[in-house]
Amino acid sequence: MKKILNILIILIPIAQAALLKSALFFDGYFFYFIVGTFFLTDILLYLFIPKKTDGKKVFIISFPPLALLLAASAMLFFLEGERAQWLVIGIHTALQLLYGMRMYRFMFQEGYPEIFFTQTVSLVLLVSYFFFSFSFYALIYFLEIPIWYLIVPFLFLTFLFFLIHAWMHDARAREYGKELVACIILIAEALLVIRWLPSLYHVNAFLITVLYFAVVSFGCGSLKKDISRAQKILTVILSVIVVVLVGITAQWR
């Protein structure tokens, strides 16, 4: 059985990449191919996760690859340019491969450091959040959908992302409910403020993703009562990059 799983770890992400590319080529059947890709991910997770696994653990393990797939699919729907599309598909495939290998070792290899799996989950969630943010602002930019119609679903996704980070650090939602609500309110305010910046929509997506990264980085660090110097430096660097990008791409109306 383990040999079959090892093979599926490689084959399923490649099959997903083929289906995502087919969805772009046969755009009239886009959603059908996405459903097929989602079904492949479900098969892999079903084979990996034992039936008696705790519900919280099932959610932590299954949510990241499914969120990544949905986020990449949503981004591909709006993304223009074949190179950019191939880049997103390549990132999705590479992360699904990495996640599958780390998940396999985490589930079946005794003594495997849990930190490697949690780092992979964090990386997958970060990329997924950017993809979702891109789609969020693309819907407003291209389809001119009012932000009030989209902000609640986006904040619900943000809540799920924060919840996984909290659970990975053994924090209970009841104990840190106020902090969780504060993070959601902060993201909500940022979404509204960023919407009115004179920057391009993909820069806005990058900006809200940096804020998400900063909140998660410092929030999880505070739970562990340990915020590393590298986290502080990286947050400052990303913040400076965002400010520069907003200035360069500004389109005052």
Protein backbone atom coordinates (compact mmCIF):
# COMPACT_ATOMS: atom_id res chain seq x y z
CA MET A 1 0.00 0.00 0.00
CA LYS A 2 2.81 2.41 0.85
CA LYS A 3 4.42 1.85 -2.56
CA ILE A 4 1.11 2.75 -4.21
CA LEU A 5 0.91 5.92 -2.13
CA ASN A 6 4.46 6.86 -3.11
CA ILE A 7 3.51 6.54 -6.77
CA LEU A 8 0.28 8.50 -6.31
CA ILE A 9 2.17 11.34 -4.59
CA ILE A 10 3.95 11.93 -7.92
CA LEU A 11 1.24 10.97 -10.40
CA ILE A 12 -1.69 12.93 -8.95
CA PRO A 13 -0.03 16.38 -8.99
CA ILE A 14 1.07 15.75 -12.58
CA ALA A 15 -2.47 14.69 -13.49
CA GLN A 16 -3.76 17.82 -11.77
CA ALA A 17 -1.41 19.97 -13.85
CA ALA A 18 -2.68 18.30 -17.04
CA LEU A 19 -6.31 18.91 -16.03
CA LEU A 20 -5.64 22.55 -15.13
CA LYS A 21 -3.99 23.14 -18.49
CA SER A 22 -6.87 21.36 -20.23
CA ALA A 23 -9.30 23.64 -18.38
CA LEU A 24 -7.55 26.64 -19.93
CA PHE A 25 -7.37 25.10 -23.40
CA PHE A 26 -11.00 23.93 -23.42
CA ASP A 27 -12.29 26.98 -21.59
CA GLY A 28 -15.91 26.06 -22.27
CA TYR A 29 -15.44 23.07 -19.94
CA PHE A 30 -13.30 24.95 -17.39
CA PHE A 31 -15.37 24.06 -14.33
CA TYR A 32 -15.70 20.40 -15.33
CA PHE A 33 -11.92 20.02 -15.41
CA ILE A 34 -11.62 21.81 -12.05
CA VAL A 35 -14.12 19.40 -10.51
CA GLY A 36 -12.06 16.50 -11.87
CA THR A 37 -8.89 17.96 -10.38
CA PHE A 38 -10.63 18.43 -7.04
CA PHE A 39 -11.78 14.80 -7.19
CA LEU A 40 -8.18 13.60 -7.65
CA THR A 41 -7.13 15.52 -4.55
CA ASP A 42 -9.97 13.94 -2.58
CA ILE A 43 -8.80 10.47 -3.63
CA LEU A 44 -5.26 11.12 -2.42
CA LEU A 45 -6.44 12.50 0.92
CA TYR A 46 -8.87 9.60 1.40
CA LEU A 47 -6.06 7.10 0.91
CA PHE A 48 -3.69 8.93 3.24
CA ILE A 49 -5.88 9.80 6.21
CA PRO A 50 -6.87 6.86 8.45
CA LYS A 51 -10.58 6.56 9.20
CA LYS A 52 -10.13 6.93 12.97
CA THR A 53 -8.14 10.16 12.71
CA ASP A 54 -9.25 13.03 14.94
CA GLY A 55 -11.51 15.52 13.15
CA LYS A 56 -9.25 18.48 13.90
CA LYS A 57 -6.24 16.66 12.46
CA VAL A 58 -8.22 15.67 9.37
CA PHE A 59 -9.09 19.32 8.78
CA ILE A 60 -5.49 20.48 9.24
CA ILE A 61 -4.20 17.85 6.81
CA SER A 62 -6.89 18.08 4.14
CA PHE A 63 -7.58 21.83 3.99
CA PRO A 64 -4.20 23.12 2.62
CA PRO A 65 -4.03 21.07 -0.64
CA LEU A 66 -7.74 21.64 -1.34
CA ALA A 67 -7.42 25.37 -0.65
CA LEU A 68 -4.35 25.57 -2.90
CA LEU A 69 -6.20 23.86 -5.73
CA LEU A 70 -9.27 26.09 -5.45
CA ALA A 71 -7.13 29.24 -5.14
CA ALA A 72 -4.97 28.33 -8.15
CA SER A 73 -8.08 27.51 -10.20
CA ALA A 74 -9.67 30.84 -9.30
CA MET A 75 -6.50 32.72 -10.21
CA LEU A 76 -6.18 30.90 -13.55
CA PHE A 77 -9.73 31.94 -14.40
CA PHE A 78 -8.64 35.61 -14.41
CA LEU A 79 -4.97 35.33 -15.30
CA GLU A 80 -3.89 36.52 -18.74
CA GLY A 81 -0.78 35.37 -20.56
CA GLU A 82 0.32 31.80 -21.18
CA ARG A 83 3.61 32.19 -19.30
CA ALA A 84 1.84 33.45 -16.20
CA GLN A 85 -0.64 30.59 -16.41
CA TRP A 86 2.15 28.04 -16.73
CA LEU A 87 3.88 29.66 -13.74
CA VAL A 88 0.79 29.26 -11.54
CA ILE A 89 0.30 25.66 -12.68
CA GLY A 90 4.00 24.95 -12.01
CA ILE A 91 3.84 26.48 -8.52
CA HIS A 92 0.69 24.50 -7.78
CA THR A 93 2.25 21.23 -8.97
CA ALA A 94 5.50 21.78 -7.06
CA LEU A 95 3.69 22.61 -3.82
CA GLN A 96 1.32 19.65 -4.16
CA LEU A 97 4.32 17.36 -4.66
CA LEU A 98 6.11 18.84 -1.66
CA TYR A 99 2.99 18.65 0.47
CA GLY A 100 2.34 15.03 -0.53
CA MET A 101 5.88 13.95 0.37
CA ARG A 102 5.86 15.80 3.69
CA MET A 103 2.37 14.50 4.52
CA TYR A 104 3.44 10.92 3.77
CA ARG A 105 6.41 11.16 6.13
CA PHE A 106 4.37 12.93 8.78
CA MET A 107 1.66 10.24 8.70
CA PHE A 108 3.78 7.08 8.34
CA GLN A 109 7.39 7.75 9.30
CA GLU A 110 8.11 7.48 13.02
CA GLY A 111 10.29 10.21 14.47
CA TYR A 112 9.70 12.56 11.54
CA PRO A 113 10.02 16.16 12.83
CA GLU A 114 6.56 17.74 12.92
CA ILE A 115 8.08 21.16 12.24
CA PHE A 116 8.80 20.14 8.63
CA PHE A 117 5.13 19.39 8.04
CA THR A 118 3.87 22.55 9.77
CA GLN A 119 6.32 24.67 7.74
CA THR A 120 5.00 23.10 4.54
CA VAL A 121 1.41 23.75 5.61
CA SER A 122 2.28 27.39 6.31
CA LEU A 123 3.93 27.77 2.90
CA VAL A 124 0.96 26.22 1.08
CA LEU A 125 -1.47 28.45 2.99
CA LEU A 126 0.58 31.57 2.24
CA VAL A 127 0.62 30.91 -1.50
CA SER A 128 -3.06 29.97 -1.44
CA TYR A 129 -3.90 33.21 0.35
CA PHE A 130 -2.16 35.22 -2.36
CA PHE A 131 -4.02 33.33 -5.08
CA PHE A 132 -7.33 33.94 -3.30
CA SER A 133 -6.47 37.62 -2.77
CA PHE A 134 -5.63 37.96 -6.46
CA SER A 135 -9.02 36.50 -7.39
CA PHE A 136 -10.77 38.72 -4.84
CA TYR A 137 -9.41 41.94 -6.32
CA ALA A 138 -9.71 40.61 -9.88
CA LEU A 139 -13.45 40.10 -9.36
CA ILE A 140 -13.74 43.72 -8.27
CA TYR A 141 -11.47 45.00 -11.05
CA PHE A 142 -12.79 43.02 -14.03
CA LEU A 143 -16.40 42.30 -13.14
CA GLU A 144 -16.91 45.45 -11.03
CA ILE A 145 -18.55 43.46 -8.25
CA PRO A 146 -19.01 45.63 -5.12
CA ILE A 147 -16.53 44.74 -2.42
CA TRP A 148 -19.38 44.37 0.09
CA TYR A 149 -20.58 41.25 -1.76
CA LEU A 150 -17.17 39.57 -1.60
CA ILE A 151 -15.72 40.61 1.73
CA VAL A 152 -17.73 38.20 3.90
CA PRO A 153 -16.71 35.01 1.96
CA PHE A 154 -13.10 36.23 1.87
CA LEU A 155 -13.08 36.89 5.62
CA PHE A 156 -14.55 33.44 6.22
CA LEU A 157 -11.63 31.94 4.27
CA THR A 158 -9.25 34.11 6.29
CA PHE A 159 -10.83 32.78 9.49
CA LEU A 160 -10.20 29.18 8.34
CA PHE A 161 -6.58 30.02 7.52
CA PHE A 162 -6.02 31.59 10.93
CA LEU A 163 -7.78 28.70 12.63
CA ILE A 164 -5.41 26.15 11.08
CA HIS A 165 -2.37 28.16 12.19
CA ALA A 166 -3.78 28.35 15.72
CA TRP A 167 -4.55 24.63 15.84
CA MET A 168 -1.08 23.75 14.56
CA HIS A 169 0.29 25.58 17.59
CA ASP A 170 -2.11 23.73 19.93
CA ALA A 171 -4.12 26.88 20.61
CA ARG A 172 -7.83 26.59 21.30
CA ALA A 173 -10.23 28.95 19.56
CA ARG A 174 -12.05 29.57 22.85
CA GLU A 175 -8.89 30.68 24.63
CA TYR A 176 -7.74 32.99 21.83
CA GLY A 177 -11.15 33.99 20.46
CA LYS A 178 -10.58 37.72 21.03
CA GLU A 179 -7.23 37.63 19.26
CA LEU A 180 -8.77 35.72 16.35
CA VAL A 181 -11.58 38.25 16.02
CA ALA A 182 -9.07 41.11 16.19
CA CYS A 183 -7.08 39.57 13.32
CA ILE A 184 -10.22 39.23 11.19
CA ILE A 185 -11.20 42.85 11.87
CA LEU A 186 -7.67 43.98 10.94
CA ILE A 187 -7.84 42.12 7.62
CA ALA A 188 -11.35 43.51 6.95
CA GLU A 189 -10.17 47.08 7.50
CA ALA A 190 -7.14 46.49 5.30
CA LEU A 191 -9.29 45.08 2.48
CA LEU A 192 -11.40 48.24 2.46
CA VAL A 193 -8.42 50.60 2.67
CA ILE A 194 -6.35 48.78 0.05
CA ARG A 195 -9.33 48.81 -2.33
CA TRP A 196 -9.00 52.59 -2.59
CA LEU A 197 -5.26 52.66 -3.19
CA PRO A 198 -4.22 53.78 -6.69
CA SER A 199 -2.30 50.54 -7.27
CA LEU A 200 -2.93 47.62 -9.60
CA TYR A 201 -5.13 44.79 -8.37
CA HIS A 202 -2.33 42.21 -8.21
CA VAL A 203 -0.25 44.60 -6.10
CA ASN A 204 -3.24 44.98 -3.78
CA ALA A 205 -3.34 41.17 -3.51
CA PHE A 206 0.34 41.11 -2.61
CA LEU A 207 -0.21 43.82 -0.02
CA ILE A 208 -3.00 41.98 1.80
CA THR A 209 -0.94 38.78 1.65
CA VAL A 210 1.98 40.51 3.34
CA LEU A 211 -0.37 41.70 6.07
CA TYR A 212 -1.66 38.14 6.46
CA PHE A 213 1.92 36.87 6.72
CA ALA A 214 2.78 39.49 9.34
CA VAL A 215 -0.32 38.71 11.42
CA VAL A 216 0.34 34.96 11.28
CA SER A 217 4.06 35.33 11.90
CA PHE A 218 3.75 37.57 14.92
CA GLY A 219 0.54 35.95 16.14
CA CYS A 220 1.97 32.45 16.17
CA GLY A 221 5.19 33.80 17.61
CA SER A 222 3.26 35.36 20.47
CA LEU A 223 1.50 32.05 21.14
CA LYS A 224 4.91 30.45 21.51
CA LYS A 225 6.21 33.59 23.23
CA ASP A 226 9.03 33.57 20.73
CA ILE A 227 9.24 35.87 17.70
CA SER A 228 12.50 35.20 15.88
CA ARG A 229 14.73 37.93 14.50
CA ALA A 230 14.41 36.41 11.03
CA GLN A 231 10.60 36.82 11.17
CA LYS A 232 10.95 40.48 12.13
CA ILE A 233 13.49 41.21 9.38
CA LEU A 234 11.48 39.38 6.71
CA THR A 235 8.30 41.24 7.68
CA VAL A 236 10.08 44.60 7.44
CA ILE A 237 11.59 43.70 4.04
CA LEU A 238 8.23 42.59 2.65
CA SER A 239 6.56 45.74 3.96
CA VAL A 240 9.18 47.94 2.24
CA ILE A 241 8.72 46.02 -1.02
CA VAL A 242 4.97 46.54 -0.83
CA VAL A 243 5.33 50.30 -0.32
CA VAL A 244 7.70 50.51 -3.29
CA LEU A 245 5.36 48.46 -5.48
CA VAL A 246 2.39 50.65 -4.60
CA GLY A 247 4.40 53.74 -5.47
CA ILE A 248 5.68 52.35 -8.77
CA THR A 249 2.34 51.00 -9.98
CA ALA A 250 0.22 53.89 -8.73
CA GLN A 251 -2.57 54.89 -11.07
CA TRP A 252 -4.16 57.98 -9.59
CA ARG A 253 -7.70 58.51 -10.78
